[in-house]
Amino acid sequence: MIASHTSPQCPQCGGSLPRQALWRTVNCSYCKAVVTLNTRWVERAGFRAAWQRAQARPDAPAPAGWLTLQGHDHRLLQRLGTGEQADVWLAERHGNARLRAVLKLQRGPGDALAREADTLRALHRLAAADSAYFALRLPQLLAQGRGTGVQDGPALALRAWPGFWGSLADVLATHPTGLADPRHAVWLWRRVLELLGYLHRNGWGHGDLRAEHWLIHPGDHGVHLVGWGAARPHADPAVDLQQSAWTVRAALAGSHDAPPPLPAHCPPAVAALLLRASEDRAWCRTQGADGLAAQLSAAALADFGPPRFVAFDPRRA
């Protein structure tokens, strides 16, 4: 930091600069250079030129096996899954600035992807006090429209998040007997309840909290929700809460039975909470997401003692 009695210096010739150089551009009176010492200041013309270079598209058509969506060419890298209405791919968007994306390619007619895109736009327009934080835990829409190339039809591109291993369904496919350590069920459920609390306070519900839609970040104990095609405003929040409890219950049991049993290794306080939340929708409605999260914290404290970080390896769950 420059002391109050010291004049800023031109980085080109070393001459003294007026103190305005600390917050805007000035002309050096010695070498005539245009200088600013404010590292956050960006010249509009230079920024716009860089942005246009990043958005530039090659004149040549995209190679075979690629998808073009809203003027951007995407190279499909790996199939991530197959949903009820779309195939999901990891892709790389090409241009001067390359970007990893998740592509959803719709199968058959309908407007499912367009409705999902509209939902995500509406969620990112929410202006609550905590919206800036929770927006980072919602899918970020990159493009939506009609794709051409490897498949012609409705497509949707989402920003690919680094560090995510796969879905909770992928974890259970690797471990069909369920999560061996019930402490993992606590943080998984807590993360989802935090996001549901934000959604419900702002009048939205997810509506489809299957294990396939819980995206897991093992290192950060993070969970992002995907699969927003069933999300609706003015939905009954108790439906989401009950669905979340059933998913956690199934994750512990490793069972697709209906209802999944509560395994013997699930301790009593957490087991009792899961049983009531999964089977009593009216009680969920009275608790709300925040109340259910508080109940979960109390149950975890009773069963496991003070909270501590327990490393999660989805390959050995």
C-alpha atoms as a PDB file:
ATOM      1  CA  MET A   1       0.000   0.000   0.000  1.00  0.00           C
ATOM      2  CA  ILE A   2       1.371   3.451  -0.907  1.00  0.00           C
ATOM      3  CA  ALA A   3       1.969   5.699   2.112  1.00  0.00           C
ATOM      4  CA  SER A   4       0.032   8.952   2.268  1.00  0.00           C
ATOM      5  CA  HIS A   5       3.197  11.067   1.810  1.00  0.00           C
ATOM      6  CA  THR A   6       4.490   9.094  -1.210  1.00  0.00           C
ATOM      7  CA  SER A   7       3.581   9.969  -4.793  1.00  0.00           C
ATOM      8  CA  PRO A   8       2.614   7.080  -7.090  1.00  0.00           C
ATOM      9  CA  GLN A   9       5.214   6.264  -9.724  1.00  0.00           C
ATOM     10  CA  CYS A  10       4.805   5.488 -13.408  1.00  0.00           C
ATOM     11  CA  PRO A  11       5.666   1.804 -13.991  1.00  0.00           C
ATOM     12  CA  GLN A  12       7.154   2.696 -17.388  1.00  0.00           C
ATOM     13  CA  CYS A  13       9.520   5.616 -16.606  1.00  0.00           C
ATOM     14  CA  GLY A  14       9.445   5.936 -12.821  1.00  0.00           C
ATOM     15  CA  GLY A  15       8.151   9.498 -12.922  1.00  0.00           C
ATOM     16  CA  SER A  16       5.732  10.832 -10.334  1.00  0.00           C
ATOM     17  CA  LEU A  17       2.036  10.422 -11.032  1.00  0.00           C
ATOM     18  CA  PRO A  18      -0.923  12.311  -9.575  1.00  0.00           C
ATOM     19  CA  ARG A  19      -2.712  10.425  -6.802  1.00  0.00           C
ATOM     20  CA  GLN A  20      -5.736   9.977  -9.092  1.00  0.00           C
ATOM     21  CA  ALA A  21      -3.766   7.089 -10.654  1.00  0.00           C
ATOM     22  CA  LEU A  22      -4.796   5.053  -7.621  1.00  0.00           C
ATOM     23  CA  TRP A  23      -8.426   4.959  -8.751  1.00  0.00           C
ATOM     24  CA  ARG A  24      -8.562   5.943 -12.452  1.00  0.00           C
ATOM     25  CA  THR A  25      -6.387   6.333 -15.549  1.00  0.00           C
ATOM     26  CA  VAL A  26      -4.016   9.282 -15.885  1.00  0.00           C
ATOM     27  CA  ASN A  27      -1.438  10.429 -18.434  1.00  0.00           C
ATOM     28  CA  CYS A  28       2.162  10.371 -17.238  1.00  0.00           C
ATOM     29  CA  SER A  29       3.531  13.899 -17.728  1.00  0.00           C
ATOM     30  CA  TYR A  30       7.029  12.499 -18.439  1.00  0.00           C
ATOM     31  CA  CYS A  31       6.614   9.605 -20.879  1.00  0.00           C
ATOM     32  CA  LYS A  32       2.965  10.253 -21.875  1.00  0.00           C
ATOM     33  CA  ALA A  33       1.942   6.675 -20.989  1.00  0.00           C
ATOM     34  CA  VAL A  34      -1.684   6.036 -20.022  1.00  0.00           C
ATOM     35  CA  VAL A  35      -1.474   4.522 -16.535  1.00  0.00           C
ATOM     36  CA  THR A  36      -3.709   3.261 -13.742  1.00  0.00           C
ATOM     37  CA  LEU A  37      -2.566   1.615 -10.510  1.00  0.00           C
ATOM     38  CA  ASN A  38      -6.059   0.348  -9.692  1.00  0.00           C
ATOM     39  CA  THR A  39      -5.899  -3.415 -10.305  1.00  0.00           C
ATOM     40  CA  ARG A  40      -9.715  -3.664 -10.452  1.00  0.00           C
ATOM     41  CA  TRP A  41     -10.123  -1.061 -13.182  1.00  0.00           C
ATOM     42  CA  VAL A  42     -10.767  -2.376 -16.704  1.00  0.00           C
ATOM     43  CA  GLU A  43     -10.964  -0.234 -19.807  1.00  0.00           C
ATOM     44  CA  ARG A  44     -14.328  -0.751 -21.461  1.00  0.00           C
ATOM     45  CA  ALA A  45     -13.013  -0.902 -25.039  1.00  0.00           C
ATOM     46  CA  GLY A  46     -10.307  -3.426 -24.149  1.00  0.00           C
ATOM     47  CA  PHE A  47     -12.713  -5.586 -22.199  1.00  0.00           C
ATOM     48  CA  ARG A  48     -15.266  -5.565 -25.003  1.00  0.00           C
ATOM     49  CA  ALA A  49     -12.623  -6.523 -27.573  1.00  0.00           C
ATOM     50  CA  ALA A  50     -11.485  -9.442 -25.384  1.00  0.00           C
ATOM     51  CA  TRP A  51     -15.092 -10.548 -24.886  1.00  0.00           C
ATOM     52  CA  GLN A  52     -15.727 -10.503 -28.642  1.00  0.00           C
ATOM     53  CA  ARG A  53     -12.599 -12.589 -29.262  1.00  0.00           C
ATOM     54  CA  ALA A  54     -13.808 -15.110 -26.690  1.00  0.00           C
ATOM     55  CA  GLN A  55     -17.209 -15.309 -28.372  1.00  0.00           C
ATOM     56  CA  ALA A  56     -15.807 -15.640 -31.894  1.00  0.00           C
ATOM     57  CA  ARG A  57     -16.777 -18.802 -33.759  1.00  0.00           C
ATOM     58  CA  PRO A  58     -14.585 -20.423 -36.422  1.00  0.00           C
ATOM     59  CA  ASP A  59     -15.832 -20.067 -39.980  1.00  0.00           C
ATOM     60  CA  ALA A  60     -15.527 -23.815 -40.559  1.00  0.00           C
ATOM     61  CA  PRO A  61     -18.527 -25.966 -39.570  1.00  0.00           C
ATOM     62  CA  ALA A  62     -18.309 -28.078 -36.430  1.00  0.00           C
ATOM     63  CA  PRO A  63     -16.771 -31.549 -36.960  1.00  0.00           C
ATOM     64  CA  ALA A  64     -18.903 -34.669 -37.050  1.00  0.00           C
ATOM     65  CA  GLY A  65     -19.962 -35.838 -33.597  1.00  0.00           C
ATOM     66  CA  TRP A  66     -20.257 -32.290 -32.242  1.00  0.00           C
ATOM     67  CA  LEU A  67     -23.308 -30.256 -31.299  1.00  0.00           C
ATOM     68  CA  THR A  68     -23.883 -26.604 -32.144  1.00  0.00           C
ATOM     69  CA  LEU A  69     -26.145 -24.704 -29.762  1.00  0.00           C
ATOM     70  CA  GLN A  70     -26.775 -20.945 -29.922  1.00  0.00           C
ATOM     71  CA  GLY A  71     -23.673 -20.409 -32.044  1.00  0.00           C
ATOM     72  CA  HIS A  72     -21.335 -22.431 -29.811  1.00  0.00           C
ATOM     73  CA  ASP A  73     -19.768 -25.745 -30.839  1.00  0.00           C
ATOM     74  CA  HIS A  74     -19.651 -28.475 -28.188  1.00  0.00           C
ATOM     75  CA  ARG A  75     -17.501 -31.607 -28.324  1.00  0.00           C
ATOM     76  CA  LEU A  76     -19.257 -34.445 -26.513  1.00  0.00           C
ATOM     77  CA  LEU A  77     -16.845 -36.085 -24.076  1.00  0.00           C
ATOM     78  CA  GLN A  78     -18.752 -38.604 -21.969  1.00  0.00           C
ATOM     79  CA  ARG A  79     -22.314 -39.737 -21.425  1.00  0.00           C
ATOM     80  CA  LEU A  80     -23.290 -38.916 -17.842  1.00  0.00           C
ATOM     81  CA  GLY A  81     -26.701 -40.505 -17.779  1.00  0.00           C
ATOM     82  CA  THR A  82     -30.064 -41.028 -19.399  1.00  0.00           C
ATOM     83  CA  GLY A  83     -33.131 -39.383 -17.952  1.00  0.00           C
ATOM     84  CA  GLU A  84     -36.780 -39.881 -18.714  1.00  0.00           C
ATOM     85  CA  GLN A  85     -36.789 -37.255 -21.463  1.00  0.00           C
ATOM     86  CA  ALA A  86     -33.148 -36.436 -22.247  1.00  0.00           C
ATOM     87  CA  ASP A  87     -29.655 -37.841 -22.596  1.00  0.00           C
ATOM     88  CA  VAL A  88     -27.038 -36.074 -20.462  1.00  0.00           C
ATOM     89  CA  TRP A  89     -23.472 -35.531 -21.661  1.00  0.00           C
ATOM     90  CA  LEU A  90     -20.310 -33.911 -20.391  1.00  0.00           C
ATOM     91  CA  ALA A  91     -19.079 -31.636 -23.170  1.00  0.00           C
ATOM     92  CA  GLU A  92     -16.477 -28.998 -23.922  1.00  0.00           C
ATOM     93  CA  ARG A  93     -17.595 -25.763 -25.502  1.00  0.00           C
ATOM     94  CA  HIS A  94     -15.026 -24.581 -28.012  1.00  0.00           C
ATOM     95  CA  GLY A  95     -13.868 -21.103 -28.854  1.00  0.00           C
ATOM     96  CA  ASN A  96     -11.100 -18.825 -27.690  1.00  0.00           C
ATOM     97  CA  ALA A  97     -12.226 -19.547 -24.139  1.00  0.00           C
ATOM     98  CA  ARG A  98     -13.004 -23.249 -23.612  1.00  0.00           C
ATOM     99  CA  LEU A  99     -15.608 -24.200 -21.045  1.00  0.00           C
ATOM    100  CA  ARG A 100     -16.862 -27.510 -19.685  1.00  0.00           C
ATOM    101  CA  ALA A 101     -20.616 -27.911 -19.924  1.00  0.00           C
ATOM    102  CA  VAL A 102     -23.318 -30.447 -19.185  1.00  0.00           C
ATOM    103  CA  LEU A 103     -25.509 -30.961 -22.253  1.00  0.00           C
ATOM    104  CA  LYS A 104     -29.050 -32.274 -22.050  1.00  0.00           C
ATOM    105  CA  LEU A 105     -30.307 -33.545 -25.403  1.00  0.00           C
ATOM    106  CA  GLN A 106     -34.037 -34.115 -25.508  1.00  0.00           C
ATOM    107  CA  ARG A 107     -35.447 -37.336 -26.882  1.00  0.00           C
ATOM    108  CA  GLY A 108     -38.701 -37.002 -28.787  1.00  0.00           C
ATOM    109  CA  PRO A 109     -41.164 -34.093 -28.950  1.00  0.00           C
ATOM    110  CA  GLY A 110     -42.172 -31.786 -26.149  1.00  0.00           C
ATOM    111  CA  ASP A 111     -40.956 -28.704 -24.320  1.00  0.00           C
ATOM    112  CA  ALA A 112     -39.387 -30.270 -21.220  1.00  0.00           C
ATOM    113  CA  LEU A 113     -35.997 -28.601 -21.640  1.00  0.00           C
ATOM    114  CA  ALA A 114     -37.533 -25.232 -22.455  1.00  0.00           C
ATOM    115  CA  ARG A 115     -39.600 -25.411 -19.262  1.00  0.00           C
ATOM    116  CA  GLU A 116     -36.533 -26.389 -17.239  1.00  0.00           C
ATOM    117  CA  ALA A 117     -34.605 -23.445 -18.704  1.00  0.00           C
ATOM    118  CA  ASP A 118     -37.464 -21.085 -17.813  1.00  0.00           C
ATOM    119  CA  THR A 119     -37.448 -22.441 -14.258  1.00  0.00           C
ATOM    120  CA  LEU A 120     -33.709 -21.872 -13.858  1.00  0.00           C
ATOM    121  CA  ARG A 121     -34.005 -18.327 -15.191  1.00  0.00           C
ATOM    122  CA  ALA A 122     -36.789 -17.631 -12.679  1.00  0.00           C
ATOM    123  CA  LEU A 123     -34.770 -19.074  -9.785  1.00  0.00           C
ATOM    124  CA  HIS A 124     -31.735 -16.979 -10.666  1.00  0.00           C
ATOM    125  CA  ARG A 125     -33.915 -13.858 -10.747  1.00  0.00           C
ATOM    126  CA  LEU A 126     -34.851 -14.284  -7.071  1.00  0.00           C
ATOM    127  CA  ALA A 127     -33.661 -11.292  -5.089  1.00  0.00           C
ATOM    128  CA  ALA A 128     -33.745 -12.434  -1.457  1.00  0.00           C
ATOM    129  CA  ALA A 129     -30.999 -11.467   0.979  1.00  0.00           C
ATOM    130  CA  ASP A 130     -29.324 -14.880   0.610  1.00  0.00           C
ATOM    131  CA  SER A 131     -29.879 -15.295  -3.148  1.00  0.00           C
ATOM    132  CA  ALA A 132     -26.230 -14.594  -4.024  1.00  0.00           C
ATOM    133  CA  TYR A 133     -25.140 -17.561  -1.891  1.00  0.00           C
ATOM    134  CA  PHE A 134     -27.787 -20.042  -2.988  1.00  0.00           C
ATOM    135  CA  ALA A 135     -27.492 -19.089  -6.671  1.00  0.00           C
ATOM    136  CA  LEU A 136     -24.087 -20.802  -6.560  1.00  0.00           C
ATOM    137  CA  ARG A 137     -25.859 -24.030  -5.581  1.00  0.00           C
ATOM    138  CA  LEU A 138     -28.328 -23.901  -8.466  1.00  0.00           C
ATOM    139  CA  PRO A 139     -27.574 -25.052 -12.030  1.00  0.00           C
ATOM    140  CA  GLN A 140     -26.243 -22.196 -14.149  1.00  0.00           C
ATOM    141  CA  LEU A 141     -27.794 -22.012 -17.600  1.00  0.00           C
ATOM    142  CA  LEU A 142     -25.388 -21.395 -20.495  1.00  0.00           C
ATOM    143  CA  ALA A 143     -27.626 -21.898 -23.525  1.00  0.00           C
ATOM    144  CA  GLN A 144     -30.970 -23.375 -24.514  1.00  0.00           C
ATOM    145  CA  GLY A 145     -32.587 -23.881 -27.889  1.00  0.00           C
ATOM    146  CA  ARG A 146     -32.437 -26.172 -30.897  1.00  0.00           C
ATOM    147  CA  GLY A 147     -29.140 -27.980 -31.296  1.00  0.00           C
ATOM    148  CA  THR A 148     -27.744 -29.191 -34.599  1.00  0.00           C
ATOM    149  CA  GLY A 149     -25.043 -31.665 -35.453  1.00  0.00           C
ATOM    150  CA  VAL A 150     -24.730 -34.962 -33.635  1.00  0.00           C
ATOM    151  CA  GLN A 151     -28.418 -34.614 -32.766  1.00  0.00           C
ATOM    152  CA  ASP A 152     -30.950 -32.154 -34.129  1.00  0.00           C
ATOM    153  CA  GLY A 153     -33.505 -31.105 -31.579  1.00  0.00           C
ATOM    154  CA  PRO A 154     -34.076 -29.311 -28.267  1.00  0.00           C
ATOM    155  CA  ALA A 155     -30.943 -29.015 -26.131  1.00  0.00           C
ATOM    156  CA  LEU A 156     -29.859 -27.296 -22.964  1.00  0.00           C
ATOM    157  CA  ALA A 157     -26.324 -26.473 -21.774  1.00  0.00           C
ATOM    158  CA  LEU A 158     -25.424 -25.999 -18.111  1.00  0.00           C
ATOM    159  CA  ARG A 159     -22.122 -25.003 -16.565  1.00  0.00           C
ATOM    160  CA  ALA A 160     -20.209 -28.094 -15.386  1.00  0.00           C
ATOM    161  CA  TRP A 161     -19.165 -27.839 -11.727  1.00  0.00           C
ATOM    162  CA  PRO A 162     -15.644 -29.019 -10.830  1.00  0.00           C
ATOM    163  CA  GLY A 163     -15.121 -31.579  -8.080  1.00  0.00           C
ATOM    164  CA  PHE A 164     -18.469 -33.362  -8.298  1.00  0.00           C
ATOM    165  CA  TRP A 165     -18.180 -37.147  -8.382  1.00  0.00           C
ATOM    166  CA  GLY A 166     -21.622 -38.170  -9.582  1.00  0.00           C
ATOM    167  CA  SER A 167     -25.118 -38.571  -8.222  1.00  0.00           C
ATOM    168  CA  LEU A 168     -26.245 -40.281  -5.051  1.00  0.00           C
ATOM    169  CA  ALA A 169     -27.726 -42.935  -7.336  1.00  0.00           C
ATOM    170  CA  ASP A 170     -24.224 -43.531  -8.747  1.00  0.00           C
ATOM    171  CA  VAL A 171     -22.916 -43.984  -5.190  1.00  0.00           C
ATOM    172  CA  LEU A 172     -25.632 -46.531  -4.432  1.00  0.00           C
ATOM    173  CA  ALA A 173     -25.010 -48.355  -7.712  1.00  0.00           C
ATOM    174  CA  THR A 174     -21.433 -48.867  -6.500  1.00  0.00           C
ATOM    175  CA  HIS A 175     -22.619 -49.845  -2.996  1.00  0.00           C
ATOM    176  CA  PRO A 176     -25.947 -51.693  -3.324  1.00  0.00           C
ATOM    177  CA  THR A 177     -26.120 -52.351   0.427  1.00  0.00           C
ATOM    178  CA  GLY A 178     -26.254 -48.606   1.133  1.00  0.00           C
ATOM    179  CA  LEU A 179     -24.138 -46.149   3.086  1.00  0.00           C
ATOM    180  CA  ALA A 180     -22.164 -48.013   5.724  1.00  0.00           C
ATOM    181  CA  ASP A 181     -21.625 -44.941   7.911  1.00  0.00           C
ATOM    182  CA  PRO A 182     -24.923 -43.211   8.787  1.00  0.00           C
ATOM    183  CA  ARG A 183     -23.054 -39.977   9.539  1.00  0.00           C
ATOM    184  CA  HIS A 184     -22.835 -39.437   5.790  1.00  0.00           C
ATOM    185  CA  ALA A 185     -26.618 -39.492   5.588  1.00  0.00           C
ATOM    186  CA  VAL A 186     -26.725 -36.576   8.032  1.00  0.00           C
ATOM    187  CA  TRP A 187     -24.632 -34.141   5.986  1.00  0.00           C
ATOM    188  CA  LEU A 188     -26.271 -35.230   2.739  1.00  0.00           C
ATOM    189  CA  TRP A 189     -29.732 -34.531   4.122  1.00  0.00           C
ATOM    190  CA  ARG A 190     -28.654 -31.304   5.828  1.00  0.00           C
ATOM    191  CA  ARG A 191     -27.266 -29.836   2.581  1.00  0.00           C
ATOM    192  CA  VAL A 192     -30.491 -30.585   0.738  1.00  0.00           C
ATOM    193  CA  LEU A 193     -32.633 -29.159   3.547  1.00  0.00           C
ATOM    194  CA  GLU A 194     -30.614 -25.926   3.441  1.00  0.00           C
ATOM    195  CA  LEU A 195     -31.386 -25.456  -0.248  1.00  0.00           C
ATOM    196  CA  LEU A 196     -35.015 -26.517   0.188  1.00  0.00           C
ATOM    197  CA  GLY A 197     -35.394 -23.910   2.920  1.00  0.00           C
ATOM    198  CA  TYR A 198     -34.275 -21.215   0.493  1.00  0.00           C
ATOM    199  CA  LEU A 199     -36.594 -22.466  -2.261  1.00  0.00           C
ATOM    200  CA  HIS A 200     -39.610 -22.758   0.008  1.00  0.00           C
ATOM    201  CA  ARG A 201     -39.109 -19.304   1.541  1.00  0.00           C
ATOM    202  CA  ASN A 202     -39.226 -17.933  -1.995  1.00  0.00           C
ATOM    203  CA  GLY A 203     -42.305 -19.878  -3.057  1.00  0.00           C
ATOM    204  CA  TRP A 204     -40.731 -22.712  -5.067  1.00  0.00           C
ATOM    205  CA  GLY A 205     -40.583 -26.476  -4.760  1.00  0.00           C
ATOM    206  CA  HIS A 206     -38.271 -28.947  -6.513  1.00  0.00           C
ATOM    207  CA  GLY A 207     -40.753 -31.791  -6.825  1.00  0.00           C
ATOM    208  CA  ASP A 208     -38.430 -34.653  -7.851  1.00  0.00           C
ATOM    209  CA  LEU A 209     -35.856 -35.426  -5.179  1.00  0.00           C
ATOM    210  CA  ARG A 210     -34.816 -38.857  -6.368  1.00  0.00           C
ATOM    211  CA  ALA A 211     -31.236 -39.988  -5.654  1.00  0.00           C
ATOM    212  CA  GLU A 212     -30.431 -39.379  -9.347  1.00  0.00           C
ATOM    213  CA  HIS A 213     -30.908 -35.654  -8.728  1.00  0.00           C
ATOM    214  CA  TRP A 214     -28.522 -35.338  -5.749  1.00  0.00           C
ATOM    215  CA  LEU A 215     -25.119 -34.415  -7.206  1.00  0.00           C
ATOM    216  CA  ILE A 216     -22.358 -35.223  -4.695  1.00  0.00           C
ATOM    217  CA  HIS A 217     -19.132 -33.310  -3.999  1.00  0.00           C
ATOM    218  CA  PRO A 218     -17.184 -35.674  -1.697  1.00  0.00           C
ATOM    219  CA  GLY A 219     -14.338 -33.338  -0.736  1.00  0.00           C
ATOM    220  CA  ASP A 220     -16.535 -30.429   0.353  1.00  0.00           C
ATOM    221  CA  HIS A 221     -19.464 -32.485   1.671  1.00  0.00           C
ATOM    222  CA  GLY A 222     -21.557 -30.667  -0.900  1.00  0.00           C
ATOM    223  CA  VAL A 223     -24.823 -31.554  -2.583  1.00  0.00           C
ATOM    224  CA  HIS A 224     -26.289 -29.748  -5.598  1.00  0.00           C
ATOM    225  CA  LEU A 225     -29.762 -30.543  -6.834  1.00  0.00           C
ATOM    226  CA  VAL A 226     -30.310 -31.167 -10.540  1.00  0.00           C
ATOM    227  CA  GLY A 227     -33.374 -32.310 -12.491  1.00  0.00           C
ATOM    228  CA  TRP A 228     -35.485 -29.165 -12.224  1.00  0.00           C
ATOM    229  CA  GLY A 229     -38.065 -30.182 -14.814  1.00  0.00           C
ATOM    230  CA  ALA A 230     -40.718 -30.790 -12.141  1.00  0.00           C
ATOM    231  CA  ALA A 231     -40.027 -27.620 -10.128  1.00  0.00           C
ATOM    232  CA  ARG A 232     -43.051 -25.359  -9.669  1.00  0.00           C
ATOM    233  CA  PRO A 233     -43.932 -22.138  -7.877  1.00  0.00           C
ATOM    234  CA  HIS A 234     -46.516 -22.356  -5.071  1.00  0.00           C
ATOM    235  CA  ALA A 235     -45.804 -26.070  -4.567  1.00  0.00           C
ATOM    236  CA  ASP A 236     -46.474 -27.863  -1.282  1.00  0.00           C
ATOM    237  CA  PRO A 237     -43.107 -27.770   0.552  1.00  0.00           C
ATOM    238  CA  ALA A 238     -44.030 -30.866   2.535  1.00  0.00           C
ATOM    239  CA  VAL A 239     -43.762 -32.940  -0.656  1.00  0.00           C
ATOM    240  CA  ASP A 240     -40.091 -32.007  -1.019  1.00  0.00           C
ATOM    241  CA  LEU A 241     -39.376 -32.666   2.657  1.00  0.00           C
ATOM    242  CA  GLN A 242     -41.006 -36.084   2.574  1.00  0.00           C
ATOM    243  CA  GLN A 243     -39.233 -36.993  -0.671  1.00  0.00           C
ATOM    244  CA  SER A 244     -35.876 -35.983   0.802  1.00  0.00           C
ATOM    245  CA  ALA A 245     -36.463 -38.230   3.823  1.00  0.00           C
ATOM    246  CA  TRP A 246     -37.373 -41.188   1.600  1.00  0.00           C
ATOM    247  CA  THR A 247     -34.206 -40.680  -0.443  1.00  0.00           C
ATOM    248  CA  VAL A 248     -31.996 -40.618   2.659  1.00  0.00           C
ATOM    249  CA  ARG A 249     -33.793 -43.666   4.009  1.00  0.00           C
ATOM    250  CA  ALA A 250     -33.191 -45.535   0.737  1.00  0.00           C
ATOM    251  CA  ALA A 251     -29.544 -44.414   0.714  1.00  0.00           C
ATOM    252  CA  LEU A 252     -28.986 -45.995   4.125  1.00  0.00           C
ATOM    253  CA  ALA A 253     -30.876 -49.165   3.257  1.00  0.00           C
ATOM    254  CA  GLY A 254     -29.449 -49.569  -0.249  1.00  0.00           C
ATOM    255  CA  SER A 255     -32.885 -50.870  -1.169  1.00  0.00           C
ATOM    256  CA  HIS A 256     -35.350 -50.062  -3.912  1.00  0.00           C
ATOM    257  CA  ASP A 257     -38.174 -51.666  -1.953  1.00  0.00           C
ATOM    258  CA  ALA A 258     -41.170 -49.509  -1.134  1.00  0.00           C
ATOM    259  CA  PRO A 259     -40.833 -48.525   1.618  1.00  0.00           C
ATOM    260  CA  PRO A 260     -37.101 -49.073   2.110  1.00  0.00           C
ATOM    261  CA  PRO A 261     -36.367 -50.575   5.538  1.00  0.00           C
ATOM    262  CA  LEU A 262     -34.465 -48.653   8.196  1.00  0.00           C
ATOM    263  CA  PRO A 263     -31.181 -50.580   8.582  1.00  0.00           C
ATOM    264  CA  ALA A 264     -30.041 -51.787  11.990  1.00  0.00           C
ATOM    265  CA  HIS A 265     -26.887 -49.641  11.884  1.00  0.00           C
ATOM    266  CA  CYS A 266     -28.929 -46.411  11.744  1.00  0.00           C
ATOM    267  CA  PRO A 267     -28.825 -44.995  15.312  1.00  0.00           C
ATOM    268  CA  PRO A 268     -32.112 -44.412  17.168  1.00  0.00           C
ATOM    269  CA  ALA A 269     -32.565 -40.620  17.046  1.00  0.00           C
ATOM    270  CA  VAL A 270     -31.783 -40.300  13.333  1.00  0.00           C
ATOM    271  CA  ALA A 271     -33.851 -43.414  12.610  1.00  0.00           C
ATOM    272  CA  ALA A 272     -36.864 -42.005  14.445  1.00  0.00           C
ATOM    273  CA  LEU A 273     -36.601 -38.701  12.569  1.00  0.00           C
ATOM    274  CA  LEU A 274     -36.304 -40.433   9.198  1.00  0.00           C
ATOM    275  CA  LEU A 275     -39.286 -42.638   9.981  1.00  0.00           C
ATOM    276  CA  ARG A 276     -41.547 -39.730  10.908  1.00  0.00           C
ATOM    277  CA  ALA A 277     -40.397 -37.375   8.129  1.00  0.00           C
ATOM    278  CA  SER A 278     -40.796 -40.007   5.435  1.00  0.00           C
ATOM    279  CA  GLU A 279     -44.241 -41.183   6.559  1.00  0.00           C
ATOM    280  CA  ASP A 280     -45.946 -38.101   8.048  1.00  0.00           C
ATOM    281  CA  ARG A 281     -46.405 -35.370   5.445  1.00  0.00           C
ATOM    282  CA  ALA A 282     -48.586 -33.245   7.716  1.00  0.00           C
ATOM    283  CA  TRP A 283     -45.837 -33.177  10.349  1.00  0.00           C
ATOM    284  CA  CYS A 284     -43.296 -32.155   7.675  1.00  0.00           C
ATOM    285  CA  ARG A 285     -45.603 -29.292   6.735  1.00  0.00           C
ATOM    286  CA  THR A 286     -45.617 -28.006  10.312  1.00  0.00           C
ATOM    287  CA  GLN A 287     -41.828 -28.273  10.653  1.00  0.00           C
ATOM    288  CA  GLY A 288     -40.720 -26.748   7.364  1.00  0.00           C
ATOM    289  CA  ALA A 289     -37.223 -27.234   5.982  1.00  0.00           C
ATOM    290  CA  ASP A 290     -35.585 -25.126   8.698  1.00  0.00           C
ATOM    291  CA  GLY A 291     -37.423 -26.929  11.479  1.00  0.00           C
ATOM    292  CA  LEU A 292     -36.552 -30.319  10.026  1.00  0.00           C
ATOM    293  CA  ALA A 293     -32.896 -29.277   9.736  1.00  0.00           C
ATOM    294  CA  ALA A 294     -32.915 -28.262  13.415  1.00  0.00           C
ATOM    295  CA  GLN A 295     -34.433 -31.639  14.322  1.00  0.00           C
ATOM    296  CA  LEU A 296     -31.706 -33.350  12.287  1.00  0.00           C
ATOM    297  CA  SER A 297     -28.957 -31.439  14.110  1.00  0.00           C
ATOM    298  CA  ALA A 298     -30.430 -32.437  17.469  1.00  0.00           C
ATOM    299  CA  ALA A 299     -30.742 -36.084  16.425  1.00  0.00           C
ATOM    300  CA  ALA A 300     -27.164 -36.173  15.126  1.00  0.00           C
ATOM    301  CA  LEU A 301     -25.891 -34.643  18.363  1.00  0.00           C
ATOM    302  CA  ALA A 302     -27.759 -37.273  20.379  1.00  0.00           C
ATOM    303  CA  ASP A 303     -26.469 -40.163  18.255  1.00  0.00           C
ATOM    304  CA  PHE A 304     -22.925 -39.068  17.338  1.00  0.00           C
ATOM    305  CA  GLY A 305     -21.932 -36.296  19.724  1.00  0.00           C
ATOM    306  CA  PRO A 306     -20.479 -32.928  18.624  1.00  0.00           C
ATOM    307  CA  PRO A 307     -20.203 -32.586  14.838  1.00  0.00           C
ATOM    308  CA  ARG A 308     -16.899 -33.295  13.112  1.00  0.00           C
ATOM    309  CA  PHE A 309     -15.829 -33.751   9.518  1.00  0.00           C
ATOM    310  CA  VAL A 310     -15.879 -37.388   8.374  1.00  0.00           C
ATOM    311  CA  ALA A 311     -14.127 -37.943   5.043  1.00  0.00           C
ATOM    312  CA  PHE A 312     -16.389 -39.387   2.380  1.00  0.00           C
ATOM    313  CA  ASP A 313     -15.047 -41.639  -0.379  1.00  0.00           C
ATOM    314  CA  PRO A 314     -17.934 -42.622  -2.685  1.00  0.00           C
ATOM    315  CA  ARG A 315     -15.950 -45.663  -3.828  1.00  0.00           C
ATOM    316  CA  ARG A 316     -15.948 -46.983  -0.251  1.00  0.00           C
ATOM    317  CA  ALA A 317     -19.209 -45.554   1.026  1.00  0.00           C
END
